[in-house]
Amino acid sequence: MLNKVNTAINDCFILGGIVRDDDRGSFLKTYCEGWLEALSIDFRSQERFYSVNKIGVIRGLHFQLPPFDHAKIVYCSNGSIIDVVVDLRKGGDYGKVFSQKLASDSGDMIYIPSGCAHGFISLEENTIINYEVSSVYSPEHDGGIHWQSIDFEWQKFLQNKLPIVSARDSEFVSLKKFDSPF
């Protein structure tokens, strides 16, 4: 059974899975609807994605706008990342940042509620990140905030190298200029 650990962001949880290791390698169950229900997490996976990343890649900070906003479950199946979540929900925690290392050997996952932006920095070559999301992707509702506009020290994970960032992610509006619909 998964265990649930609260984070600095309300309704955002670290989900600790059970990793089984033996002489063949390792095995991890990444999704079980009954487990989430037992943890009082209302989540139904609608789509699954994965990305393969070079060291120093920064992806994010992404979200979907209402009415196609979604919650996510994110885990690392190869390599490691520093996962970053930013609360975009109006209220007391707006702009709050939470980060957590996710590595393929830990079995840890992060549940990210709707109304939060998500991104990460890849710490190793060929790092694979898996996403379960609770709504179907809608290009017209795809959004983001600029990765450098939050209170997070990306540079300390870059080992004095320049990050690899898409043009799209570089053009997102800053957190200060973002008019949140959440």
C-alpha atoms as a PDB file:
ATOM      1  CA  MET A   1       0.000   0.000   0.000  1.00  0.00           C
ATOM      2  CA  LEU A   2       1.160   3.529  -0.734  1.00  0.00           C
ATOM      3  CA  ASN A   3       1.804   5.932   2.076  1.00  0.00           C
ATOM      4  CA  LYS A   4       0.960   9.641   1.840  1.00  0.00           C
ATOM      5  CA  VAL A   5       3.196  12.418   3.146  1.00  0.00           C
ATOM      6  CA  ASN A   6       2.035  16.047   3.255  1.00  0.00           C
ATOM      7  CA  THR A   7       4.162  18.706   1.581  1.00  0.00           C
ATOM      8  CA  ALA A   8       4.441  22.480   1.969  1.00  0.00           C
ATOM      9  CA  ILE A   9       1.616  22.874  -0.567  1.00  0.00           C
ATOM     10  CA  ASN A  10      -1.918  22.027   0.535  1.00  0.00           C
ATOM     11  CA  ASP A  11      -3.276  18.834  -1.098  1.00  0.00           C
ATOM     12  CA  CYS A  12       0.086  18.063  -2.750  1.00  0.00           C
ATOM     13  CA  PHE A  13       1.488  14.759  -1.467  1.00  0.00           C
ATOM     14  CA  ILE A  14       4.506  12.535  -1.764  1.00  0.00           C
ATOM     15  CA  LEU A  15       3.269   9.021  -2.385  1.00  0.00           C
ATOM     16  CA  GLY A  16       5.768   6.431  -1.215  1.00  0.00           C
ATOM     17  CA  GLY A  17       5.460   3.174  -3.088  1.00  0.00           C
ATOM     18  CA  ILE A  18       6.840  -0.210  -2.256  1.00  0.00           C
ATOM     19  CA  VAL A  19       9.856  -1.232  -4.329  1.00  0.00           C
ATOM     20  CA  ARG A  20      10.587  -4.953  -4.608  1.00  0.00           C
ATOM     21  CA  ASP A  21      14.236  -5.781  -5.325  1.00  0.00           C
ATOM     22  CA  ASP A  22      15.680  -9.196  -6.103  1.00  0.00           C
ATOM     23  CA  ASP A  23      18.420 -10.725  -8.244  1.00  0.00           C
ATOM     24  CA  ARG A  24      16.480  -9.844 -11.437  1.00  0.00           C
ATOM     25  CA  GLY A  25      16.219  -6.136 -10.628  1.00  0.00           C
ATOM     26  CA  SER A  26      13.316  -4.215  -9.133  1.00  0.00           C
ATOM     27  CA  PHE A  27       9.537  -3.963  -9.403  1.00  0.00           C
ATOM     28  CA  LEU A  28       7.238  -1.061  -8.454  1.00  0.00           C
ATOM     29  CA  LYS A  29       3.471  -0.757  -8.685  1.00  0.00           C
ATOM     30  CA  THR A  30       2.837   2.817  -9.818  1.00  0.00           C
ATOM     31  CA  TYR A  31      -0.929   3.045  -9.854  1.00  0.00           C
ATOM     32  CA  CYS A  32      -3.823   1.428  -8.041  1.00  0.00           C
ATOM     33  CA  GLU A  33      -7.128   3.254  -7.850  1.00  0.00           C
ATOM     34  CA  GLY A  34      -8.049   1.530  -4.588  1.00  0.00           C
ATOM     35  CA  TRP A  35      -4.870   2.790  -2.933  1.00  0.00           C
ATOM     36  CA  LEU A  36      -5.683   6.380  -3.794  1.00  0.00           C
ATOM     37  CA  GLU A  37      -9.241   6.011  -2.524  1.00  0.00           C
ATOM     38  CA  ALA A  38      -7.888   4.597   0.752  1.00  0.00           C
ATOM     39  CA  LEU A  39      -5.687   7.700   1.050  1.00  0.00           C
ATOM     40  CA  SER A  40      -8.692  10.002   0.376  1.00  0.00           C
ATOM     41  CA  ILE A  41      -7.258  11.140  -2.968  1.00  0.00           C
ATOM     42  CA  ASP A  42      -9.931  11.523  -5.639  1.00  0.00           C
ATOM     43  CA  PHE A  43      -8.034  10.824  -8.864  1.00  0.00           C
ATOM     44  CA  ARG A  44      -8.967   9.027 -12.083  1.00  0.00           C
ATOM     45  CA  SER A  45      -6.250   8.729 -14.695  1.00  0.00           C
ATOM     46  CA  GLN A  46      -7.394   9.937 -18.135  1.00  0.00           C
ATOM     47  CA  GLU A  47      -4.043  10.071 -19.960  1.00  0.00           C
ATOM     48  CA  ARG A  48      -0.468   8.891 -19.446  1.00  0.00           C
ATOM     49  CA  PHE A  49       2.701  10.497 -20.778  1.00  0.00           C
ATOM     50  CA  TYR A  50       6.421  10.134 -20.371  1.00  0.00           C
ATOM     51  CA  SER A  51       9.407  12.242 -21.322  1.00  0.00           C
ATOM     52  CA  VAL A  52      13.058  11.281 -21.823  1.00  0.00           C
ATOM     53  CA  ASN A  53      15.450  13.999 -20.705  1.00  0.00           C
ATOM     54  CA  LYS A  54      19.092  14.966 -20.959  1.00  0.00           C
ATOM     55  CA  ILE A  55      21.012  16.177 -17.916  1.00  0.00           C
ATOM     56  CA  GLY A  56      20.272  19.870 -17.271  1.00  0.00           C
ATOM     57  CA  VAL A  57      16.876  19.881 -19.003  1.00  0.00           C
ATOM     58  CA  ILE A  58      14.292  22.098 -17.335  1.00  0.00           C
ATOM     59  CA  ARG A  59      10.683  21.419 -18.282  1.00  0.00           C
ATOM     60  CA  GLY A  60       7.905  23.639 -17.032  1.00  0.00           C
ATOM     61  CA  LEU A  61       6.271  25.170 -15.345  1.00  0.00           C
ATOM     62  CA  HIS A  62       3.149  23.655 -16.923  1.00  0.00           C
ATOM     63  CA  PHE A  63      -0.566  23.330 -16.155  1.00  0.00           C
ATOM     64  CA  GLN A  64      -3.915  23.154 -17.929  1.00  0.00           C
ATOM     65  CA  LEU A  65      -6.455  25.943 -17.599  1.00  0.00           C
ATOM     66  CA  PRO A  66     -10.070  25.329 -16.552  1.00  0.00           C
ATOM     67  CA  PRO A  67     -12.234  23.591 -17.566  1.00  0.00           C
ATOM     68  CA  PHE A  68      -9.476  21.142 -18.634  1.00  0.00           C
ATOM     69  CA  ASP A  69      -7.357  21.634 -15.511  1.00  0.00           C
ATOM     70  CA  HIS A  70      -6.027  18.443 -14.037  1.00  0.00           C
ATOM     71  CA  ALA A  71      -4.295  16.770 -11.151  1.00  0.00           C
ATOM     72  CA  LYS A  72      -1.120  14.781 -11.867  1.00  0.00           C
ATOM     73  CA  ILE A  73       0.801  11.908 -10.436  1.00  0.00           C
ATOM     74  CA  VAL A  74       4.469  12.145 -11.422  1.00  0.00           C
ATOM     75  CA  TYR A  75       7.244   9.600 -10.947  1.00  0.00           C
ATOM     76  CA  CYS A  76      10.705   8.895 -12.292  1.00  0.00           C
ATOM     77  CA  SER A  77      11.252   5.493 -13.911  1.00  0.00           C
ATOM     78  CA  ASN A  78      14.886   6.080 -14.888  1.00  0.00           C
ATOM     79  CA  GLY A  79      17.449   8.521 -13.493  1.00  0.00           C
ATOM     80  CA  SER A  80      16.536  11.394 -11.193  1.00  0.00           C
ATOM     81  CA  ILE A  81      15.061  14.883 -11.107  1.00  0.00           C
ATOM     82  CA  ILE A  82      14.258  17.710  -8.776  1.00  0.00           C
ATOM     83  CA  ASP A  83      10.507  18.042  -9.162  1.00  0.00           C
ATOM     84  CA  VAL A  84       9.029  21.521  -8.611  1.00  0.00           C
ATOM     85  CA  VAL A  85       5.413  22.434  -7.830  1.00  0.00           C
ATOM     86  CA  VAL A  86       4.029  25.990  -7.616  1.00  0.00           C
ATOM     87  CA  ASP A  87       0.627  26.723  -6.098  1.00  0.00           C
ATOM     88  CA  LEU A  88      -1.399  28.946  -8.445  1.00  0.00           C
ATOM     89  CA  ARG A  89      -4.639  28.762  -6.470  1.00  0.00           C
ATOM     90  CA  LYS A  90      -5.881  32.114  -5.205  1.00  0.00           C
ATOM     91  CA  GLY A  91      -5.646  32.331  -1.467  1.00  0.00           C
ATOM     92  CA  GLY A  92      -3.042  31.992   1.237  1.00  0.00           C
ATOM     93  CA  ASP A  93      -0.573  29.707  -0.550  1.00  0.00           C
ATOM     94  CA  TYR A  94      -0.479  31.427  -3.949  1.00  0.00           C
ATOM     95  CA  GLY A  95       3.084  31.322  -5.303  1.00  0.00           C
ATOM     96  CA  LYS A  96       4.318  28.836  -2.706  1.00  0.00           C
ATOM     97  CA  VAL A  97       6.971  26.480  -4.107  1.00  0.00           C
ATOM     98  CA  PHE A  98       7.668  22.880  -3.141  1.00  0.00           C
ATOM     99  CA  SER A  99      10.484  20.741  -4.511  1.00  0.00           C
ATOM    100  CA  GLN A 100      11.395  17.100  -4.055  1.00  0.00           C
ATOM    101  CA  LYS A 101      14.011  14.807  -5.513  1.00  0.00           C
ATOM    102  CA  LEU A 102      12.451  11.897  -7.391  1.00  0.00           C
ATOM    103  CA  ALA A 103      14.658   8.983  -8.400  1.00  0.00           C
ATOM    104  CA  SER A 104      13.921   5.710 -10.108  1.00  0.00           C
ATOM    105  CA  ASP A 105      15.284   3.686  -7.207  1.00  0.00           C
ATOM    106  CA  SER A 106      13.116   5.349  -4.524  1.00  0.00           C
ATOM    107  CA  GLY A 107       9.619   4.506  -5.720  1.00  0.00           C
ATOM    108  CA  ASP A 108       8.397   7.942  -4.614  1.00  0.00           C
ATOM    109  CA  MET A 109       5.724   9.733  -6.618  1.00  0.00           C
ATOM    110  CA  ILE A 110       4.171  13.178  -6.255  1.00  0.00           C
ATOM    111  CA  TYR A 111       0.446  13.879  -6.399  1.00  0.00           C
ATOM    112  CA  ILE A 112      -0.046  17.429  -7.724  1.00  0.00           C
ATOM    113  CA  PRO A 113      -3.531  18.921  -7.345  1.00  0.00           C
ATOM    114  CA  SER A 114      -5.306  20.926  -9.997  1.00  0.00           C
ATOM    115  CA  GLY A 115      -4.363  24.593  -9.834  1.00  0.00           C
ATOM    116  CA  CYS A 116      -0.630  23.979  -9.441  1.00  0.00           C
ATOM    117  CA  ALA A 117       2.126  24.428 -12.012  1.00  0.00           C
ATOM    118  CA  HIS A 118       4.622  21.613 -12.429  1.00  0.00           C
ATOM    119  CA  GLY A 119       8.175  21.389 -13.705  1.00  0.00           C
ATOM    120  CA  PHE A 120      11.494  19.717 -13.065  1.00  0.00           C
ATOM    121  CA  ILE A 121      15.218  19.707 -13.726  1.00  0.00           C
ATOM    122  CA  SER A 122      16.834  16.495 -14.913  1.00  0.00           C
ATOM    123  CA  LEU A 123      19.887  15.428 -12.912  1.00  0.00           C
ATOM    124  CA  GLU A 124      21.018  12.571 -15.174  1.00  0.00           C
ATOM    125  CA  GLU A 125      21.169  11.597 -18.833  1.00  0.00           C
ATOM    126  CA  ASN A 126      18.198   9.610 -20.148  1.00  0.00           C
ATOM    127  CA  THR A 127      15.998  10.427 -17.177  1.00  0.00           C
ATOM    128  CA  ILE A 128      12.452   9.204 -17.807  1.00  0.00           C
ATOM    129  CA  ILE A 129       9.526  10.985 -16.146  1.00  0.00           C
ATOM    130  CA  ASN A 130       6.049   9.451 -16.169  1.00  0.00           C
ATOM    131  CA  TYR A 131       2.833  11.458 -15.778  1.00  0.00           C
ATOM    132  CA  GLU A 132      -0.697  10.299 -15.000  1.00  0.00           C
ATOM    133  CA  VAL A 133      -3.221  13.119 -15.496  1.00  0.00           C
ATOM    134  CA  SER A 134      -6.895  13.423 -14.592  1.00  0.00           C
ATOM    135  CA  SER A 135      -8.079  15.157 -17.790  1.00  0.00           C
ATOM    136  CA  VAL A 136      -7.492  14.828 -21.500  1.00  0.00           C
ATOM    137  CA  TYR A 137      -4.920  17.234 -22.958  1.00  0.00           C
ATOM    138  CA  SER A 138      -6.410  20.334 -24.563  1.00  0.00           C
ATOM    139  CA  PRO A 139      -3.928  22.463 -26.555  1.00  0.00           C
ATOM    140  CA  GLU A 140      -6.182  25.539 -26.187  1.00  0.00           C
ATOM    141  CA  HIS A 141      -6.033  25.212 -22.385  1.00  0.00           C
ATOM    142  CA  ASP A 142      -2.308  24.506 -22.112  1.00  0.00           C
ATOM    143  CA  GLY A 143      -0.521  27.043 -19.942  1.00  0.00           C
ATOM    144  CA  GLY A 144       2.608  27.842 -18.029  1.00  0.00           C
ATOM    145  CA  ILE A 145       4.590  30.321 -16.025  1.00  0.00           C
ATOM    146  CA  HIS A 146       8.242  31.165 -16.577  1.00  0.00           C
ATOM    147  CA  TRP A 147      10.561  28.830 -14.699  1.00  0.00           C
ATOM    148  CA  GLN A 148      12.877  31.641 -13.535  1.00  0.00           C
ATOM    149  CA  SER A 149      10.056  33.705 -12.025  1.00  0.00           C
ATOM    150  CA  ILE A 150       9.583  31.568  -8.894  1.00  0.00           C
ATOM    151  CA  ASP A 151      11.461  31.313  -5.625  1.00  0.00           C
ATOM    152  CA  PHE A 152      13.653  28.332  -6.547  1.00  0.00           C
ATOM    153  CA  GLU A 153      17.427  28.042  -7.093  1.00  0.00           C
ATOM    154  CA  TRP A 154      17.634  26.111 -10.372  1.00  0.00           C
ATOM    155  CA  GLN A 155      21.303  27.038 -10.807  1.00  0.00           C
ATOM    156  CA  LYS A 156      22.496  24.932  -7.862  1.00  0.00           C
ATOM    157  CA  PHE A 157      21.450  21.798  -9.794  1.00  0.00           C
ATOM    158  CA  LEU A 158      23.029  22.824 -13.119  1.00  0.00           C
ATOM    159  CA  GLN A 159      26.684  22.221 -12.140  1.00  0.00           C
ATOM    160  CA  ASN A 160      27.715  25.571 -13.694  1.00  0.00           C
ATOM    161  CA  LYS A 161      26.153  24.683 -17.061  1.00  0.00           C
ATOM    162  CA  LEU A 162      23.413  26.403 -19.010  1.00  0.00           C
ATOM    163  CA  PRO A 163      19.994  24.786 -18.756  1.00  0.00           C
ATOM    164  CA  ILE A 164      18.308  23.175 -21.740  1.00  0.00           C
ATOM    165  CA  VAL A 165      14.905  24.862 -22.010  1.00  0.00           C
ATOM    166  CA  SER A 166      12.402  24.880 -24.866  1.00  0.00           C
ATOM    167  CA  ALA A 167      11.554  28.140 -26.619  1.00  0.00           C
ATOM    168  CA  ARG A 168       7.951  27.668 -25.489  1.00  0.00           C
ATOM    169  CA  ASP A 169       8.925  27.374 -21.811  1.00  0.00           C
ATOM    170  CA  SER A 170      11.203  30.423 -22.129  1.00  0.00           C
ATOM    171  CA  GLU A 171       8.314  32.572 -23.372  1.00  0.00           C
ATOM    172  CA  PHE A 172       5.851  31.908 -20.561  1.00  0.00           C
ATOM    173  CA  VAL A 173       4.689  34.899 -18.495  1.00  0.00           C
ATOM    174  CA  SER A 174       6.224  35.478 -15.049  1.00  0.00           C
ATOM    175  CA  LEU A 175       4.401  34.424 -11.904  1.00  0.00           C
ATOM    176  CA  LYS A 176       3.912  38.104 -10.991  1.00  0.00           C
ATOM    177  CA  LYS A 177       2.156  38.794 -14.308  1.00  0.00           C
ATOM    178  CA  PHE A 178       0.062  35.625 -14.321  1.00  0.00           C
ATOM    179  CA  ASP A 179      -3.678  36.214 -13.773  1.00  0.00           C
ATOM    180  CA  SER A 180      -4.716  32.979 -12.107  1.00  0.00           C
ATOM    181  CA  PRO A 181      -8.096  31.406 -12.923  1.00  0.00           C
ATOM    182  CA  PHE A 182      -7.639  28.881 -10.081  1.00  0.00           C
END
